[in-house]
Every structure is written in C-alpha cells, then in structure tokens.
C-alpha atoms as a PDB file:
ATOM      1  CA  MET A   1       7.057  10.379   6.456  1.00  0.00           C
ATOM      2  CA  THR A   2       6.295   6.393   6.879  1.00  0.00           C
ATOM      3  CA  LYS A   3       8.717   3.735   7.095  1.00  0.00           C
ATOM      4  CA  GLU A   4      10.315   1.484   4.003  1.00  0.00           C
ATOM      5  CA  LEU A   5       8.733  -1.831   3.160  1.00  0.00           C
ATOM      6  CA  SER A   6      11.698  -4.620   3.357  1.00  0.00           C
ATOM      7  CA  GLN A   7      12.657  -5.175  -0.506  1.00  0.00           C
ATOM      8  CA  ASN A   8      11.684  -9.171   0.703  1.00  0.00           C
ATOM      9  CA  LYS A   9       8.107  -8.451   0.847  1.00  0.00           C
ATOM     10  CA  ILE A  10       7.961  -6.197  -1.799  1.00  0.00           C
ATOM     11  CA  ASN A  11       9.489  -9.368  -4.343  1.00  0.00           C
ATOM     12  CA  LEU A  12       7.338 -11.164  -3.194  1.00  0.00           C
ATOM     13  CA  VAL A  13       3.785  -9.354  -4.585  1.00  0.00           C
ATOM     14  CA  ASN A  14       5.083  -7.046  -7.230  1.00  0.00           C
ATOM     15  CA  LYS A  15       5.613  -9.676 -10.337  1.00  0.00           C
ATOM     16  CA  THR A  16       6.447  -6.961 -12.623  1.00  0.00           C
ATOM     17  CA  ASN A  17       9.932  -6.524 -12.502  1.00  0.00           C
ATOM     18  CA  LYS A  18       9.125  -2.438 -12.257  1.00  0.00           C
ATOM     19  CA  LYS A  19       9.715  -0.253  -9.540  1.00  0.00           C
ATOM     20  CA  ILE A  20       6.184   0.923  -7.845  1.00  0.00           C
ATOM     21  CA  THR A  21       6.551   3.225  -5.639  1.00  0.00           C
ATOM     22  CA  ILE A  22       3.663   3.805  -2.388  1.00  0.00           C
ATOM     23  CA  LYS A  23       3.417   6.836  -0.292  1.00  0.00           C
ATOM     24  CA  HIS A  24       1.275   8.234   1.893  1.00  0.00           C
ATOM     25  CA  TYR A  25       1.129  12.239   2.851  1.00  0.00           C
ATOM     26  CA  LEU A  26      -1.449  14.805   4.263  1.00  0.00           C
ATOM     27  CA  ASN A  27      -3.412  16.104   2.144  1.00  0.00           C
ATOM     28  CA  MET A  28      -3.618  19.861   3.237  1.00  0.00           C
ATOM     29  CA  TYR A  29      -5.608  21.005   0.422  1.00  0.00           C
ATOM     30  CA  ASN A  30      -8.285  19.708   1.976  1.00  0.00           C
ATOM     31  CA  ARG A  31     -10.042  21.119   5.404  1.00  0.00           C
ATOM     32  CA  PRO A  32      -8.604  19.765   7.982  1.00  0.00           C
ATOM     33  CA  THR A  33     -10.479  18.209  11.519  1.00  0.00           C
ATOM     34  CA  VAL A  34     -10.762  20.743  14.046  1.00  0.00           C
ATOM     35  CA  GLY A  35     -12.147  20.036  17.138  1.00  0.00           C
ATOM     36  CA  ASP A  36     -12.367  22.641  19.892  1.00  0.00           C
ATOM     37  CA  THR A  37     -11.129  26.397  19.938  1.00  0.00           C
ATOM     38  CA  GLU A  38      -7.727  25.373  21.248  1.00  0.00           C
ATOM     39  CA  THR A  39      -7.059  22.596  18.204  1.00  0.00           C
ATOM     40  CA  VAL A  40      -7.805  26.685  16.149  1.00  0.00           C
ATOM     41  CA  ASN A  41      -5.617  28.338  17.376  1.00  0.00           C
ATOM     42  CA  ASP A  42      -2.926  25.674  16.955  1.00  0.00           C
ATOM     43  CA  PRO A  43      -2.114  24.630  13.509  1.00  0.00           C
ATOM     44  CA  SER A  44       0.357  21.821  14.128  1.00  0.00           C
ATOM     45  CA  ILE A  45      -1.985  19.918  15.991  1.00  0.00           C
ATOM     46  CA  TRP A  46      -4.913  19.831  12.760  1.00  0.00           C
ATOM     47  CA  LYS A  47      -5.711  16.354  11.521  1.00  0.00           C
ATOM     48  CA  TYR A  48      -5.567  16.045   7.574  1.00  0.00           C
ATOM     49  CA  SER A  49      -7.073  13.080   6.120  1.00  0.00           C
ATOM     50  CA  VAL A  50      -4.237  10.160   4.914  1.00  0.00           C
ATOM     51  CA  TYR A  51      -3.628   9.843   0.941  1.00  0.00           C
ATOM     52  CA  VAL A  52      -1.564   7.164  -1.067  1.00  0.00           C
ATOM     53  CA  ARG A  53       1.007   8.750  -4.113  1.00  0.00           C
ATOM     54  CA  ILE A  54       1.205   5.648  -6.779  1.00  0.00           C
ATOM     55  CA  THR A  55       4.014   5.563  -8.865  1.00  0.00           C
ATOM     56  CA  PHE A  56       4.666   3.208 -11.525  1.00  0.00           C
ATOM     57  CA  ASN A  57       5.977   2.806 -14.919  1.00  0.00           C
ATOM     58  CA  ARG A  58       6.657   7.059 -14.488  1.00  0.00           C
ATOM     59  CA  LEU A  59       3.734   7.775 -14.175  1.00  0.00           C
ATOM     60  CA  THR A  60       1.849   9.263 -10.941  1.00  0.00           C
ATOM     61  CA  THR A  61      -1.890   8.996  -8.987  1.00  0.00           C
ATOM     62  CA  LYS A  62      -2.869   9.983  -6.173  1.00  0.00           C
ATOM     63  CA  ILE A  63      -5.906   8.908  -3.588  1.00  0.00           C
ATOM     64  CA  LYS A  64      -7.544   9.021  -0.358  1.00  0.00           C
ATOM     65  CA  SER A  65      -6.814   6.088   1.492  1.00  0.00           C
ATOM     66  CA  ALA A  66      -8.045   3.245   3.147  1.00  0.00           C
ATOM     67  CA  THR A  67      -6.881   3.390   6.318  1.00  0.00           C
ATOM     68  CA  ASP A  68      -9.113   6.609   6.644  1.00  0.00           C
ATOM     69  CA  LEU A  69      -7.430   7.993   8.698  1.00  0.00           C
ATOM     70  CA  ASP A  70      -6.616  11.446   9.833  1.00  0.00           C
ATOM     71  CA  CYS A  71      -3.728  12.318  11.184  1.00  0.00           C
ATOM     72  CA  THR A  72      -1.686  15.695  11.914  1.00  0.00           C
ATOM     73  CA  VAL A  73       1.839  16.060  10.797  1.00  0.00           C
ATOM     74  CA  ASN A  74       4.263  14.674  13.438  1.00  0.00           C
ATOM     75  CA  GLU A  75       1.804  11.620  13.329  1.00  0.00           C
ATOM     76  CA  LEU A  76       2.408  10.722  10.143  1.00  0.00           C
ATOM     77  CA  ASN A  77       6.095  11.319  10.562  1.00  0.00           C
ATOM     78  CA  SER A  78       6.595   9.513  13.306  1.00  0.00           C
ATOM     79  CA  PRO A  79       3.242   6.278  13.670  1.00  0.00           C
ATOM     80  CA  ASN A  80       2.589   4.402  16.014  1.00  0.00           C
ATOM     81  CA  ASP A  81       2.843   0.064  15.571  1.00  0.00           C
ATOM     82  CA  LEU A  82      -0.903   0.144  14.874  1.00  0.00           C
ATOM     83  CA  HIS A  83      -0.693   3.005  11.790  1.00  0.00           C
ATOM     84  CA  LYS A  84       2.818   1.228  10.470  1.00  0.00           C
ATOM     85  CA  ASN A  85       0.949  -2.097  10.233  1.00  0.00           C
ATOM     86  CA  LEU A  86      -1.665   0.290   8.510  1.00  0.00           C
ATOM     87  CA  PHE A  87       0.356   1.936   5.966  1.00  0.00           C
ATOM     88  CA  GLU A  88       2.158  -1.512   5.415  1.00  0.00           C
ATOM     89  CA  ARG A  89      -0.398  -3.150   4.596  1.00  0.00           C
ATOM     90  CA  GLU A  90      -2.446  -0.995   1.997  1.00  0.00           C
ATOM     91  CA  SER A  91       0.775  -0.518   0.827  1.00  0.00           C
ATOM     92  CA  LEU A  92       1.407  -4.372  -0.185  1.00  0.00           C
ATOM     93  CA  PHE A  93      -2.199  -4.732  -1.806  1.00  0.00           C
ATOM     94  CA  LEU A  94      -2.096  -1.634  -3.751  1.00  0.00           C
ATOM     95  CA  ILE A  95       1.229  -3.305  -5.061  1.00  0.00           C
ATOM     96  CA  ASP A  96       0.065  -6.501  -5.767  1.00  0.00           C
ATOM     97  CA  HIS A  97      -2.756  -4.211  -7.084  1.00  0.00           C
ATOM     98  CA  ILE A  98      -0.931  -2.501  -9.817  1.00  0.00           C
ATOM     99  CA  SER A  99       1.042  -6.123 -10.222  1.00  0.00           C
ATOM    100  CA  ARG A 100      -1.910  -8.300 -10.966  1.00  0.00           C
ATOM    101  CA  GLN A 101      -3.647  -5.598 -13.473  1.00  0.00           C
ATOM    102  CA  TYR A 102      -0.074  -5.166 -15.269  1.00  0.00           C
ATOM    103  CA  GLU A 103      -0.478  -8.553 -15.696  1.00  0.00           C
ATOM    104  CA  ALA A 104      -3.947  -9.242 -17.009  1.00  0.00           C
ATOM    105  CA  TYR A 105      -3.209  -5.934 -19.754  1.00  0.00           C
ATOM    106  CA  GLY A 106      -0.340  -7.971 -20.843  1.00  0.00           C
ATOM    107  CA  GLY A 107       2.211  -6.418 -19.757  1.00  0.00           C
ATOM    108  CA  SER A 108       2.087  -3.601 -22.109  1.00  0.00           C
ATOM    109  CA  GLN A 109       4.456  -0.076 -21.321  1.00  0.00           C
ATOM    110  CA  ASN A 110       0.940   1.304 -22.551  1.00  0.00           C
ATOM    111  CA  TYR A 111      -0.315   0.980 -18.881  1.00  0.00           C
ATOM    112  CA  ASN A 112      -1.934   3.800 -17.677  1.00  0.00           C
ATOM    113  CA  ILE A 113      -2.068   3.844 -13.730  1.00  0.00           C
ATOM    114  CA  ASN A 114      -4.543   7.006 -14.147  1.00  0.00           C
ATOM    115  CA  SER A 115      -6.818   5.202 -15.297  1.00  0.00           C
ATOM    116  CA  GLU A 116      -6.272   2.015 -13.499  1.00  0.00           C
ATOM    117  CA  PHE A 117      -7.391   4.259 -10.483  1.00  0.00           C
ATOM    118  CA  TYR A 118      -9.597   6.072 -11.730  1.00  0.00           C
ATOM    119  CA  ASP A 119     -12.970   5.366 -10.104  1.00  0.00           C
ATOM    120  CA  PHE A 120     -10.832   2.508  -7.742  1.00  0.00           C
ATOM    121  CA  SER A 121     -12.649   1.381  -4.599  1.00  0.00           C
ATOM    122  CA  TYR A 122     -11.095  -0.281  -1.990  1.00  0.00           C
ATOM    123  CA  GLU A 123     -14.445  -2.431  -1.135  1.00  0.00           C
ATOM    124  CA  ASP A 124     -14.101  -4.276  -4.746  1.00  0.00           C
ATOM    125  CA  TYR A 125     -11.169  -6.136  -2.846  1.00  0.00           C
ATOM    126  CA  GLU A 126      -9.917  -8.181  -0.360  1.00  0.00           C
ATOM    127  CA  LEU A 127      -6.958  -7.047   1.483  1.00  0.00           C
ATOM    128  CA  ASP A 128      -6.852  -9.989   3.779  1.00  0.00           C
ATOM    129  CA  LYS A 129      -5.728 -12.242   0.234  1.00  0.00           C
ATOM    130  CA  ILE A 130      -2.567 -10.618  -0.230  1.00  0.00           C
ATOM    131  CA  VAL A 131      -1.326 -11.496   4.012  1.00  0.00           C
ATOM    132  CA  ASP A 132      -2.385 -15.036   2.936  1.00  0.00           C
ATOM    133  CA  GLN A 133      -0.775 -15.137  -0.365  1.00  0.00           C
ATOM    134  CA  LEU A 134       2.743 -13.888   1.381  1.00  0.00           C
ATOM    135  CA  LEU A 135       2.252 -16.050   3.909  1.00  0.00           C
ATOM    136  CA  ILE A 136       2.502 -18.819   1.600  1.00  0.00           C
ATOM    137  CA  MET A 137       5.248 -17.850  -0.555  1.00  0.00           C
ATOM    138  CA  SER A 138       7.321 -17.942   2.712  1.00  0.00           C
ATOM    139  CA  MET A 139       6.437 -20.813   4.142  1.00  0.00           C
ATOM    140  CA  LYS A 140       7.522 -22.643   0.152  1.00  0.00           C
ATOM    141  CA  ASP A 141      10.250 -20.304   0.553  1.00  0.00           C
ATOM    142  CA  PHE A 142      11.387 -22.019   4.030  1.00  0.00           C
ATOM    143  CA  MET A 143       9.816 -25.459   2.977  1.00  0.00           C
ATOM    144  CA  THR A 144      12.351 -25.190  -0.489  1.00  0.00           C
ATOM    145  CA  LYS A 145      15.457 -23.953   1.144  1.00  0.00           C
ATOM    146  CA  ASN A 146      14.830 -26.711   3.881  1.00  0.00           C
ATOM    147  CA  GLY A 147      14.339 -29.702   1.096  1.00  0.00           C
ATOM    148  CA  LEU A 148      11.078 -30.100   2.751  1.00  0.00           C
ATOM    149  CA  PHE A 149       9.121 -28.745   0.018  1.00  0.00           C
ATOM    150  CA  ASP A 150       7.736 -30.974  -3.343  1.00  0.00           C
ATOM    151  CA  GLU A 151       6.364 -29.819  -6.281  1.00  0.00           C
ATOM    152  CA  ASP A 152       3.147 -32.948  -6.303  1.00  0.00           C
ATOM    153  CA  SER A 153       2.756 -31.277  -2.843  1.00  0.00           C
ATOM    154  CA  THR A 154      -0.676 -30.972  -2.234  1.00  0.00           C
ATOM    155  CA  LEU A 155      -0.612 -28.481   0.652  1.00  0.00           C
ATOM    156  CA  PHE A 156      -0.224 -25.647  -1.675  1.00  0.00           C
END
C-alpha cells in the first residue's frame, strides 16, 4: 500500500468536512506487463497498471492512475521516493478536485462521485495548481501565526 498523507495537507485541500479516501492499487484483472522469458516464469516480477480507488460519501469509484506506472506488488508495497511523491501529488489533486466539485454541486448529499469520474480525464486539469495552492496556504498560516499577515495584503 502507499503511505498515508499527512492530515495537515489533506485539511488544506479538503473543504467538504467529509472523509475522502484515496488508495492506489494494482489492477490485477488486466494483463500484466511481461518482458522476457525469465519474467514470464516468475509472477512476482510481473508488472500491473496502477489504479486509484476513491471513496467519498460512502460511494467508491475506480479510475486509472495519472502516474501511468506499471509496478510489481513489491514496488507498490514499498515505493521509492519518486513513486511516493507521485502518489501523494495525485491523491492531493483528487481530494482537491472532489472538494471543488462537491462545493460547486452545493454540498448536497446527492452528489455522486461515480458520475463525476465517469469520463474523467486528467488532461483537463493542471496538477501544478494544487501544489501552488498548498504553498500559498502554508505561507498564510505561517504569516498569521507570526503576526505578519494583514487581511488587506495584496500579496495573496
């Protein structure tokens, strides 16, 4: 499994006051990526596509990960730093996206996450915006705690 995101980062992007769970997993129902004949004989090194399971408001949906990674079971269970960062970034983006759509829908209990991700395309959204948003929020928090932030400030 992938590492847990820090609650502070989640709170910065989740405006719904509801739990949003993002889990990366291997879709083993699809054919694995197999290279040479040595790989064919050893299922422990077969690579599967990474997918994302999203749970919100007691509904679950599954989509292909934007990371476009193929991993073995061991690689997903103990990811390297690059994979950890990719998974974290994607998770924060998805939490932010769900939060924004839920608010745009009026915060209704009838919001259906399955219909939201039916024809979802990552290309329609910019992943860098979430990083910028987190940075600005962290800077505001720091400045507020240290008495440097003024509501009339045009910096933010």
